[in-house]
């Protein structure tokens, strides 16, 4: 009887050990799935970080872009958004390929924000018959947007806004015509 009891004890211990090992291998199989999820989250985070770095890099380059470029032409005519074909063609040949390339590298929810500016010659907001710097800034931004669309940049990748005379160029008088310009920046489309 002692031998039978002893063998039963060994059998129970073996079955118990076997079941315990099976349970451990189930846990091991579960852990890689959790690691994969963590890796996917890490990849998504890394992708967002890479997009932020790319946007910063592009925006740094775009700080030097403006229309008119300040070298060949000092600024828009007073109260106008005229874009002479020859001037814009020269500007576009230097800059549009970079803008197209930059936009193609970014996810769809990013756009090129075109900001119109004015000098401080007139009122910022409309006053009586004067339309105001905000108005002229907006039509300048829209005129450049239209010209960029003609250069092959999709309209849905462009947005416009007006800054008026709120952001003059450092080192120049606020009323200098060099402040009548359009600047560019990558932003999210909201």
N, C-alpha and C. Protein backbone atom coordinates (compact mmCIF):
# COMPACT_ATOMS: atom_id res chain seq x y z
N UNK A 1 0.80 -1.16 0.00
CA UNK A 1 0.00 0.00 0.00
C UNK A 1 0.86 1.25 0.00
N UNK A 2 1.96 1.17 0.71
CA UNK A 2 2.85 2.31 0.74
C UNK A 2 3.38 2.60 -0.66
N UNK A 3 3.66 1.52 -1.47
CA UNK A 3 4.16 1.74 -2.83
C UNK A 3 3.09 2.42 -3.68
N UNK A 4 1.82 2.01 -3.56
CA UNK A 4 0.73 2.61 -4.33
C UNK A 4 0.52 4.07 -3.97
N UNK A 5 0.59 4.36 -2.68
CA UNK A 5 0.45 5.73 -2.23
C UNK A 5 1.59 6.58 -2.75
N UNK A 6 2.79 6.04 -2.69
CA UNK A 6 3.98 6.75 -3.16
C UNK A 6 3.85 7.04 -4.65
N UNK A 7 3.42 6.04 -5.46
CA UNK A 7 3.27 6.24 -6.91
C UNK A 7 2.14 7.24 -7.21
N UNK A 8 1.09 7.23 -6.46
CA UNK A 8 0.00 8.20 -6.64
C UNK A 8 0.48 9.63 -6.34
N UNK A 9 1.29 9.74 -5.32
CA UNK A 9 1.85 11.04 -4.96
C UNK A 9 2.75 11.57 -6.09
N UNK A 10 3.57 10.68 -6.65
CA UNK A 10 4.45 11.07 -7.77
C UNK A 10 3.60 11.45 -8.98
N UNK A 11 2.54 10.68 -9.25
CA UNK A 11 1.67 10.96 -10.38
C UNK A 11 0.99 12.32 -10.22
N UNK A 12 0.46 12.63 -9.05
CA UNK A 12 -0.18 13.91 -8.78
C UNK A 12 0.83 15.04 -8.91
N UNK A 13 2.03 14.85 -8.39
CA UNK A 13 3.08 15.88 -8.48
C UNK A 13 3.45 16.11 -9.93
N UNK A 14 3.55 15.05 -10.73
CA UNK A 14 3.92 15.17 -12.15
C UNK A 14 2.83 15.91 -12.91
N UNK A 15 1.58 15.56 -12.66
CA UNK A 15 0.47 16.24 -13.34
C UNK A 15 0.44 17.71 -12.94
N UNK A 16 0.64 17.96 -11.68
CA UNK A 16 0.65 19.34 -11.19
C UNK A 16 1.78 20.13 -11.85
N UNK A 17 2.96 19.54 -11.94
CA UNK A 17 4.11 20.18 -12.57
C UNK A 17 3.83 20.42 -14.05
N UNK A 18 3.23 19.43 -14.71
CA UNK A 18 2.89 19.55 -16.12
C UNK A 18 1.91 20.70 -16.35
N UNK A 19 0.87 20.78 -15.56
CA UNK A 19 -0.12 21.85 -15.70
C UNK A 19 0.49 23.22 -15.41
N UNK A 20 1.37 23.26 -14.45
CA UNK A 20 2.04 24.52 -14.13
C UNK A 20 2.90 24.98 -15.29
N UNK A 21 3.62 24.07 -15.94
CA UNK A 21 4.46 24.41 -17.09
C UNK A 21 3.60 24.87 -18.27
N UNK A 22 2.46 24.23 -18.48
CA UNK A 22 1.56 24.64 -19.55
C UNK A 22 1.06 26.06 -19.31
N UNK A 23 0.72 26.38 -18.09
CA UNK A 23 0.26 27.70 -17.73
C UNK A 23 1.35 28.73 -17.97
N UNK A 24 2.59 28.42 -17.66
CA UNK A 24 3.71 29.33 -17.85
C UNK A 24 3.94 29.60 -19.32
N UNK A 25 3.80 28.60 -20.18
CA UNK A 25 4.03 28.84 -21.60
C UNK A 25 2.91 29.69 -22.20
N UNK A 26 1.67 29.60 -21.65
CA UNK A 26 0.60 30.48 -22.09
C UNK A 26 0.94 31.93 -21.77
N UNK A 27 1.49 32.15 -20.58
CA UNK A 27 1.88 33.51 -20.19
C UNK A 27 3.00 34.02 -21.08
N UNK A 28 3.93 33.17 -21.43
CA UNK A 28 5.04 33.58 -22.29
C UNK A 28 4.50 33.96 -23.65
N UNK A 29 3.52 33.22 -24.16
CA UNK A 29 2.95 33.56 -25.45
C UNK A 29 2.18 34.87 -25.39
N UNK A 30 1.61 35.22 -24.29
CA UNK A 30 0.87 36.47 -24.14
C UNK A 30 1.81 37.67 -24.12
N UNK A 31 2.96 37.51 -23.51
CA UNK A 31 3.89 38.63 -23.36
C UNK A 31 4.35 39.21 -24.69
N UNK A 32 4.69 38.42 -25.73
CA UNK A 32 5.09 39.05 -26.98
C UNK A 32 3.97 39.90 -27.58
N UNK A 33 2.72 39.53 -27.42
CA UNK A 33 1.62 40.33 -27.94
C UNK A 33 1.60 41.69 -27.25
N UNK A 34 1.83 41.70 -25.93
CA UNK A 34 1.88 42.98 -25.21
C UNK A 34 3.07 43.80 -25.68
N UNK A 35 4.19 43.17 -25.94
CA UNK A 35 5.38 43.87 -26.42
C UNK A 35 5.12 44.46 -27.80
N UNK A 36 4.42 43.72 -28.66
CA UNK A 36 4.10 44.22 -29.98
C UNK A 36 3.24 45.48 -29.88
N UNK A 37 2.27 45.47 -28.99
CA UNK A 37 1.43 46.65 -28.80
C UNK A 37 2.27 47.82 -28.35
N UNK A 38 3.17 47.59 -27.43
CA UNK A 38 4.06 48.65 -26.95
C UNK A 38 4.93 49.15 -28.10
N UNK A 39 5.42 48.26 -28.93
CA UNK A 39 6.24 48.66 -30.07
C UNK A 39 5.43 49.50 -31.03
N UNK A 40 4.16 49.11 -31.28
CA UNK A 40 3.32 49.90 -32.17
C UNK A 40 3.12 51.31 -31.62
N UNK A 41 2.90 51.43 -30.31
CA UNK A 41 2.73 52.73 -29.68
C UNK A 41 4.02 53.53 -29.79
N UNK A 42 5.14 52.86 -29.56
CA UNK A 42 6.43 53.52 -29.68
C UNK A 42 6.65 53.99 -31.11
N UNK A 43 6.28 53.17 -32.10
CA UNK A 43 6.43 53.55 -33.49
C UNK A 43 5.56 54.75 -33.81
N UNK A 44 4.32 54.76 -33.31
CA UNK A 44 3.43 55.90 -33.54
C UNK A 44 4.00 57.15 -32.90
N UNK A 45 4.52 57.03 -31.69
CA UNK A 45 5.12 58.17 -31.02
C UNK A 45 6.35 58.65 -31.80
N UNK A 46 7.16 57.72 -32.23
CA UNK A 46 8.35 58.08 -33.00
C UNK A 46 7.95 58.76 -34.30
N UNK A 47 6.90 58.28 -34.94
CA UNK A 47 6.43 58.88 -36.18
C UNK A 47 5.97 60.33 -35.93
N UNK A 48 5.22 60.56 -34.83
CA UNK A 48 4.79 61.92 -34.50
C UNK A 48 6.00 62.80 -34.21
N UNK A 49 6.98 62.25 -33.49
CA UNK A 49 8.19 63.02 -33.18
C UNK A 49 8.94 63.37 -34.46
N UNK A 50 9.00 62.41 -35.37
CA UNK A 50 9.69 62.66 -36.64
C UNK A 50 8.96 63.73 -37.43
N UNK A 51 7.61 63.71 -37.42
CA UNK A 51 6.85 64.74 -38.11
C UNK A 51 7.13 66.11 -37.50
N UNK A 52 7.18 66.19 -36.18
CA UNK A 52 7.45 67.47 -35.51
C UNK A 52 8.84 67.99 -35.88
N UNK A 53 9.80 67.11 -35.93
CA UNK A 53 11.17 67.50 -36.32
C UNK A 53 11.17 67.99 -37.76
N UNK A 54 10.48 67.27 -38.64
CA UNK A 54 10.42 67.66 -40.04
C UNK A 54 9.72 69.01 -40.21
N UNK A 55 8.62 69.22 -39.50
CA UNK A 55 7.91 70.51 -39.57
C UNK A 55 8.82 71.63 -39.09
N UNK A 56 9.53 71.42 -37.99
CA UNK A 56 10.46 72.44 -37.49
C UNK A 56 11.54 72.75 -38.51
N UNK A 57 12.06 71.71 -39.14
CA UNK A 57 13.11 71.88 -40.15
C UNK A 57 12.59 72.68 -41.35
N UNK A 58 11.40 72.33 -41.82
CA UNK A 58 10.81 73.04 -42.96
C UNK A 58 10.50 74.48 -42.59
N UNK A 59 9.92 74.70 -41.41
CA UNK A 59 9.59 76.07 -40.99
C UNK A 59 10.83 76.93 -40.82
N UNK A 60 11.92 76.33 -40.39
CA UNK A 60 13.18 77.08 -40.29
C UNK A 60 13.62 77.54 -41.67
N UNK A 61 13.52 76.64 -42.65
CA UNK A 61 13.89 77.00 -44.03
C UNK A 61 12.93 78.05 -44.59
N UNK A 62 11.64 77.92 -44.28
CA UNK A 62 10.64 78.84 -44.83
C UNK A 62 10.75 80.25 -44.26
N UNK A 63 11.47 80.43 -43.15
CA UNK A 63 11.64 81.79 -42.61
C UNK A 63 12.36 82.69 -43.61
N UNK A 64 13.17 82.10 -44.47
CA UNK A 64 13.88 82.88 -45.48
C UNK A 64 13.06 83.10 -46.74
N UNK A 65 11.93 82.41 -46.86
CA UNK A 65 11.06 82.55 -48.02
C UNK A 65 10.05 83.65 -47.73
N UNK A 66 9.85 84.53 -48.65
CA UNK A 66 8.76 85.48 -48.60
C UNK A 66 8.57 86.01 -50.01
N UNK A 67 7.39 86.49 -50.25
CA UNK A 67 7.14 87.12 -51.54
C UNK A 67 6.58 88.50 -51.27
N UNK A 68 7.07 89.53 -51.91
CA UNK A 68 8.29 89.60 -52.71
C UNK A 68 9.53 89.29 -51.87
N UNK A 69 10.58 88.90 -52.53
CA UNK A 69 11.74 88.36 -51.83
C UNK A 69 12.61 89.39 -51.12
N UNK A 70 12.36 90.66 -51.31
CA UNK A 70 13.11 91.68 -50.58
C UNK A 70 14.43 92.04 -51.23
N UNK A 71 14.83 91.29 -52.24
CA UNK A 71 16.08 91.58 -52.95
C UNK A 71 15.75 92.21 -54.30
N UNK A 72 14.90 91.53 -55.05
CA UNK A 72 14.53 92.02 -56.38
C UNK A 72 13.40 93.05 -56.32
N UNK A 73 12.57 92.94 -55.28
CA UNK A 73 11.41 93.80 -55.15
C UNK A 73 11.14 94.06 -53.69
N UNK A 74 10.93 95.30 -53.32
CA UNK A 74 10.82 95.69 -51.91
C UNK A 74 9.49 95.37 -51.27
N UNK A 75 8.41 95.21 -51.99
CA UNK A 75 7.12 94.93 -51.37
C UNK A 75 5.98 95.19 -52.33
N UNK A 76 4.78 94.85 -51.89
CA UNK A 76 3.60 95.09 -52.71
C UNK A 76 3.36 96.59 -52.83
N UNK A 77 2.63 96.97 -53.88
CA UNK A 77 2.22 98.37 -54.01
C UNK A 77 1.26 98.69 -52.87
N UNK A 78 1.20 99.96 -52.51
CA UNK A 78 0.35 100.38 -51.40
C UNK A 78 -1.11 100.03 -51.69
N UNK A 79 -1.77 99.35 -50.76
CA UNK A 79 -3.17 98.95 -50.83
C UNK A 79 -3.47 97.96 -51.95
N UNK A 80 -2.47 97.32 -52.52
CA UNK A 80 -2.72 96.38 -53.61
C UNK A 80 -2.07 95.02 -53.33
N UNK A 81 -2.47 94.05 -54.14
CA UNK A 81 -1.88 92.71 -54.06
C UNK A 81 -1.41 92.28 -55.44
N UNK A 82 -0.88 93.26 -56.17
CA UNK A 82 -0.43 92.96 -57.54
C UNK A 82 0.76 92.00 -57.53
N UNK A 83 0.69 91.02 -58.41
CA UNK A 83 1.79 90.05 -58.53
C UNK A 83 2.25 90.09 -59.99
N UNK A 84 3.27 90.88 -60.27
CA UNK A 84 3.78 90.91 -61.65
C UNK A 84 4.30 89.53 -62.07
N UNK A 85 3.88 89.10 -63.25
CA UNK A 85 4.19 87.75 -63.72
C UNK A 85 5.70 87.48 -63.73
N UNK A 86 6.49 88.41 -64.22
CA UNK A 86 7.94 88.18 -64.31
C UNK A 86 8.57 88.03 -62.92
N UNK A 87 8.16 88.88 -61.98
CA UNK A 87 8.71 88.80 -60.62
C UNK A 87 8.33 87.48 -59.97
N UNK A 88 7.05 87.09 -60.10
CA UNK A 88 6.62 85.85 -59.46
C UNK A 88 7.26 84.64 -60.12
N UNK A 89 7.44 84.69 -61.42
CA UNK A 89 8.08 83.57 -62.13
C UNK A 89 9.50 83.37 -61.61
N UNK A 90 10.22 84.46 -61.41
CA UNK A 90 11.58 84.37 -60.86
C UNK A 90 11.55 83.82 -59.44
N UNK A 91 10.66 84.33 -58.63
CA UNK A 91 10.53 83.85 -57.25
C UNK A 91 10.14 82.37 -57.24
N UNK A 92 9.19 82.00 -58.07
CA UNK A 92 8.71 80.62 -58.11
C UNK A 92 9.80 79.66 -58.56
N UNK A 93 10.61 80.06 -59.52
CA UNK A 93 11.67 79.15 -59.99
C UNK A 93 12.68 78.86 -58.88
N UNK A 94 12.85 79.79 -57.96
CA UNK A 94 13.77 79.59 -56.83
C UNK A 94 13.13 78.83 -55.67
N UNK A 95 11.81 78.91 -55.51
CA UNK A 95 11.19 78.47 -54.27
C UNK A 95 10.10 77.39 -54.37
N UNK A 96 9.37 77.33 -55.45
CA UNK A 96 8.21 76.43 -55.52
C UNK A 96 8.61 74.97 -55.43
N UNK A 97 9.72 74.57 -56.02
CA UNK A 97 10.10 73.15 -55.95
C UNK A 97 10.36 72.73 -54.50
N UNK A 98 10.95 73.60 -53.69
CA UNK A 98 11.16 73.26 -52.28
C UNK A 98 9.83 73.13 -51.54
N UNK A 99 8.90 74.05 -51.81
CA UNK A 99 7.60 74.02 -51.15
C UNK A 99 6.85 72.74 -51.52
N UNK A 100 6.84 72.38 -52.80
CA UNK A 100 6.18 71.14 -53.24
C UNK A 100 6.79 69.93 -52.55
N UNK A 101 8.11 69.88 -52.53
CA UNK A 101 8.82 68.75 -51.91
C UNK A 101 8.52 68.67 -50.42
N UNK A 102 8.53 69.81 -49.75
CA UNK A 102 8.25 69.83 -48.30
C UNK A 102 6.85 69.34 -48.02
N UNK A 103 5.86 69.80 -48.77
CA UNK A 103 4.48 69.38 -48.55
C UNK A 103 4.29 67.89 -48.82
N UNK A 104 5.03 67.36 -49.79
CA UNK A 104 4.88 65.94 -50.12
C UNK A 104 5.43 65.03 -49.02
N UNK A 105 6.32 65.53 -48.18
CA UNK A 105 6.91 64.74 -47.11
C UNK A 105 6.05 64.70 -45.85
N UNK A 106 5.06 65.55 -45.78
CA UNK A 106 4.26 65.68 -44.56
C UNK A 106 2.93 64.92 -44.67
N UNK A 107 2.39 64.49 -43.54
CA UNK A 107 1.05 63.86 -43.55
C UNK A 107 0.00 64.83 -44.08
N UNK A 108 -1.14 64.29 -44.45
CA UNK A 108 -2.19 65.08 -45.09
C UNK A 108 -2.76 66.21 -44.24
N UNK A 109 -2.64 66.11 -42.92
CA UNK A 109 -3.25 67.14 -42.07
C UNK A 109 -2.37 68.38 -41.90
N UNK A 110 -1.31 68.50 -42.69
CA UNK A 110 -0.47 69.69 -42.66
C UNK A 110 -0.69 70.50 -43.93
N UNK A 111 -0.65 71.83 -43.79
CA UNK A 111 -0.82 72.72 -44.93
C UNK A 111 0.25 73.81 -44.88
N UNK A 112 0.43 74.47 -46.01
CA UNK A 112 1.30 75.63 -46.06
C UNK A 112 0.42 76.84 -45.75
N UNK A 113 0.71 77.49 -44.64
CA UNK A 113 -0.04 78.67 -44.23
C UNK A 113 0.62 79.89 -44.84
N UNK A 114 -0.14 80.63 -45.64
CA UNK A 114 0.36 81.83 -46.32
C UNK A 114 -0.18 83.02 -45.55
N UNK A 115 0.71 83.82 -44.98
CA UNK A 115 0.30 84.95 -44.15
C UNK A 115 0.63 86.26 -44.84
N UNK A 116 -0.39 87.07 -45.06
CA UNK A 116 -0.20 88.39 -45.66
C UNK A 116 0.15 89.41 -44.59
N UNK A 117 1.01 90.35 -44.97
CA UNK A 117 1.45 91.41 -44.05
C UNK A 117 1.27 92.78 -44.71
N UNK A 118 1.27 93.80 -43.91
CA UNK A 118 1.17 95.18 -44.39
C UNK A 118 2.15 96.05 -43.61
N UNK A 119 2.41 97.24 -44.16
CA UNK A 119 3.17 98.20 -43.37
C UNK A 119 2.19 98.95 -42.48
N UNK A 120 2.68 99.84 -41.66
CA UNK A 120 1.83 100.54 -40.69
C UNK A 120 1.32 101.88 -41.21
N UNK A 121 1.24 102.01 -42.54
CA UNK A 121 0.80 103.29 -43.11
C UNK A 121 -0.65 103.62 -42.82
N UNK A 122 -1.51 102.65 -42.85
CA UNK A 122 -2.94 102.91 -42.64
C UNK A 122 -3.43 102.30 -41.34
N UNK A 123 -4.74 102.38 -41.11
CA UNK A 123 -5.29 101.79 -39.89
C UNK A 123 -5.26 100.26 -39.97
N UNK A 124 -5.19 99.63 -38.83
CA UNK A 124 -5.14 98.15 -38.80
C UNK A 124 -6.49 97.56 -39.21
N UNK A 125 -7.56 98.11 -38.66
CA UNK A 125 -8.93 97.66 -38.98
C UNK A 125 -9.59 98.73 -39.86
N UNK A 126 -10.67 98.33 -40.51
CA UNK A 126 -11.40 99.26 -41.38
C UNK A 126 -11.86 100.49 -40.60
N UNK A 127 -11.67 101.67 -41.20
CA UNK A 127 -12.11 102.95 -40.61
C UNK A 127 -12.71 103.78 -41.72
N UNK A 128 -13.97 104.11 -41.59
CA UNK A 128 -14.67 104.90 -42.61
C UNK A 128 -14.49 104.27 -43.99
N UNK A 129 -13.87 104.98 -44.92
CA UNK A 129 -13.68 104.44 -46.27
C UNK A 129 -12.38 103.63 -46.40
N UNK A 130 -11.55 103.65 -45.37
CA UNK A 130 -10.28 102.90 -45.41
C UNK A 130 -10.54 101.44 -45.01
N UNK A 131 -10.08 100.51 -45.82
CA UNK A 131 -10.36 99.09 -45.59
C UNK A 131 -9.49 98.48 -44.49
N UNK A 132 -8.35 99.04 -44.24
CA UNK A 132 -7.49 98.57 -43.15
C UNK A 132 -6.43 97.57 -43.59
N UNK A 133 -5.37 97.50 -42.79
CA UNK A 133 -4.23 96.63 -43.12
C UNK A 133 -4.59 95.14 -43.13
N UNK A 134 -5.53 94.74 -42.28
CA UNK A 134 -5.97 93.35 -42.27
C UNK A 134 -6.55 92.94 -43.61
N UNK A 135 -7.34 93.81 -44.21
CA UNK A 135 -7.94 93.53 -45.52
C UNK A 135 -6.86 93.35 -46.58
N UNK A 136 -5.93 94.28 -46.63
CA UNK A 136 -4.88 94.22 -47.66
C UNK A 136 -3.96 93.01 -47.43
N UNK A 137 -3.72 92.69 -46.19
CA UNK A 137 -2.91 91.51 -45.88
C UNK A 137 -3.59 90.25 -46.40
N UNK A 138 -4.90 90.17 -46.20
CA UNK A 138 -5.64 88.98 -46.65
C UNK A 138 -5.64 88.85 -48.17
N UNK A 139 -5.86 89.95 -48.89
CA UNK A 139 -5.89 89.83 -50.35
C UNK A 139 -4.49 89.51 -50.91
N UNK A 140 -3.45 89.95 -50.23
CA UNK A 140 -2.09 89.58 -50.65
C UNK A 140 -1.86 88.08 -50.47
N UNK A 141 -2.27 87.56 -49.33
CA UNK A 141 -2.11 86.13 -49.08
C UNK A 141 -2.90 85.32 -50.11
N UNK A 142 -4.12 85.73 -50.40
CA UNK A 142 -4.95 85.01 -51.38
C UNK A 142 -4.38 85.10 -52.79
N UNK A 143 -3.80 86.24 -53.14
CA UNK A 143 -3.20 86.39 -54.47
C UNK A 143 -2.01 85.45 -54.63
N UNK A 144 -1.19 85.34 -53.60
CA UNK A 144 -0.04 84.43 -53.66
C UNK A 144 -0.52 82.98 -53.67
N UNK A 145 -1.56 82.68 -52.91
CA UNK A 145 -2.12 81.32 -52.93
C UNK A 145 -2.55 80.96 -54.35
N UNK A 146 -3.29 81.86 -55.00
CA UNK A 146 -3.74 81.60 -56.37
C UNK A 146 -2.56 81.38 -57.31
N UNK A 147 -1.52 82.17 -57.14
CA UNK A 147 -0.33 82.02 -57.99
C UNK A 147 0.36 80.68 -57.73
N UNK A 148 0.40 80.22 -56.48
CA UNK A 148 1.01 78.93 -56.15
C UNK A 148 0.18 77.76 -56.70
N UNK A 149 -1.14 77.90 -56.69
CA UNK A 149 -2.01 76.88 -57.27
C UNK A 149 -1.71 76.75 -58.76
N UNK A 150 -1.49 77.88 -59.43
CA UNK A 150 -1.14 77.86 -60.86
C UNK A 150 0.21 77.20 -61.08
N UNK A 151 1.06 77.16 -60.05
CA UNK A 151 2.37 76.51 -60.14
C UNK A 151 2.27 75.01 -59.86
N UNK A 152 1.07 74.52 -59.56
CA UNK A 152 0.88 73.08 -59.36
C UNK A 152 0.76 72.62 -57.92
N UNK A 153 0.69 73.53 -56.98
CA UNK A 153 0.51 73.14 -55.58
C UNK A 153 -1.00 73.01 -55.34
N UNK A 154 -1.45 71.87 -54.80
CA UNK A 154 -2.89 71.68 -54.58
C UNK A 154 -3.47 72.73 -53.63
N UNK A 155 -4.62 73.30 -54.02
CA UNK A 155 -5.26 74.35 -53.21
C UNK A 155 -5.58 73.87 -51.80
N UNK A 156 -5.93 72.58 -51.65
CA UNK A 156 -6.28 72.07 -50.32
C UNK A 156 -5.06 71.97 -49.40
N UNK A 157 -3.86 72.10 -49.93
CA UNK A 157 -2.64 72.08 -49.12
C UNK A 157 -2.19 73.49 -48.74
N UNK A 158 -3.03 74.50 -49.06
CA UNK A 158 -2.70 75.90 -48.80
C UNK A 158 -3.81 76.55 -47.98
N UNK A 159 -3.42 77.38 -47.02
CA UNK A 159 -4.40 78.19 -46.28
C UNK A 159 -3.85 79.61 -46.19
N UNK A 160 -4.74 80.56 -45.98
CA UNK A 160 -4.31 81.95 -45.90
C UNK A 160 -4.78 82.59 -44.60
N UNK A 161 -4.04 83.60 -44.19
CA UNK A 161 -4.45 84.41 -43.05
C UNK A 161 -3.80 85.79 -43.16
N UNK A 162 -4.33 86.74 -42.41
CA UNK A 162 -3.83 88.11 -42.44
C UNK A 162 -3.19 88.47 -41.11
N UNK A 163 -2.03 89.10 -41.18
CA UNK A 163 -1.35 89.56 -39.97
C UNK A 163 -1.38 91.08 -39.86
N UNK A 164 -1.81 91.75 -40.93
CA UNK A 164 -1.81 93.21 -40.93
C UNK A 164 -0.40 93.74 -40.74
N UNK A 165 -0.26 94.77 -39.92
CA UNK A 165 1.06 95.34 -39.67
C UNK A 165 1.61 94.89 -38.31
N UNK A 166 1.06 93.80 -37.78
CA UNK A 166 1.44 93.35 -36.44
C UNK A 166 2.81 92.71 -36.34
N UNK A 167 3.40 92.33 -37.47
CA UNK A 167 4.71 91.66 -37.43
C UNK A 167 5.68 92.30 -38.42
N UNK A 168 6.13 93.52 -38.13
CA UNK A 168 7.08 94.16 -39.05
C UNK A 168 8.43 93.46 -39.04
N UNK A 169 9.17 93.65 -40.11
CA UNK A 169 10.51 93.05 -40.20
C UNK A 169 11.46 93.84 -39.30
N UNK A 170 12.19 93.11 -38.49
CA UNK A 170 13.13 93.72 -37.55
C UNK A 170 14.19 94.53 -38.31
N UNK A 171 14.47 95.72 -37.80
CA UNK A 171 15.51 96.56 -38.38
C UNK A 171 14.98 97.54 -39.43
N UNK A 172 13.68 97.50 -39.72
CA UNK A 172 13.10 98.41 -40.70
C UNK A 172 11.98 99.21 -40.03
N UNK A 173 11.76 100.41 -40.54
CA UNK A 173 10.65 101.23 -40.06
C UNK A 173 9.34 100.48 -40.32
N UNK A 174 8.38 100.60 -39.40
CA UNK A 174 7.10 99.91 -39.55
C UNK A 174 6.34 100.35 -40.80
N UNK A 175 6.63 101.55 -41.30
CA UNK A 175 5.95 102.06 -42.49
C UNK A 175 6.72 101.77 -43.78
N UNK A 176 7.86 101.12 -43.69
CA UNK A 176 8.64 100.76 -44.88
C UNK A 176 7.87 99.73 -45.71
N UNK A 177 7.87 99.92 -47.03
CA UNK A 177 7.12 99.02 -47.91
C UNK A 177 7.64 97.58 -47.90
N UNK A 178 8.83 97.36 -47.37
CA UNK A 178 9.35 95.99 -47.27
C UNK A 178 8.44 95.11 -46.40
N UNK A 179 7.68 95.76 -45.51
CA UNK A 179 6.75 95.04 -44.65
C UNK A 179 5.49 94.57 -45.38
N UNK A 180 5.25 95.03 -46.59
CA UNK A 180 4.11 94.58 -47.41
C UNK A 180 4.55 93.31 -48.13
N UNK A 181 4.31 92.17 -47.48
CA UNK A 181 4.86 90.92 -47.98
C UNK A 181 3.95 89.76 -47.61
N UNK A 182 4.35 88.57 -48.05
CA UNK A 182 3.66 87.33 -47.69
C UNK A 182 4.72 86.37 -47.18
N UNK A 183 4.44 85.73 -46.05
CA UNK A 183 5.38 84.74 -45.48
C UNK A 183 4.70 83.38 -45.44
N UNK A 184 5.50 82.35 -45.21
CA UNK A 184 5.04 80.97 -45.28
C UNK A 184 5.43 80.19 -44.04
N UNK A 185 4.55 79.27 -43.64
CA UNK A 185 4.82 78.41 -42.51
C UNK A 185 3.94 77.16 -42.62
N UNK A 186 4.51 76.01 -42.23
CA UNK A 186 3.74 74.78 -42.19
C UNK A 186 2.93 74.76 -40.91
N UNK A 187 1.65 74.41 -41.02
CA UNK A 187 0.76 74.34 -39.86
C UNK A 187 -0.21 73.18 -40.06
N UNK A 188 -0.89 72.80 -39.00
CA UNK A 188 -1.90 71.75 -39.13
C UNK A 188 -3.19 72.39 -39.62
N UNK A 189 -3.92 71.66 -40.44
CA UNK A 189 -5.18 72.18 -40.96
C UNK A 189 -6.27 71.87 -39.94
N UNK A 190 -6.85 72.88 -39.38
CA UNK A 190 -7.91 72.71 -38.38
C UNK A 190 -9.19 73.29 -38.85
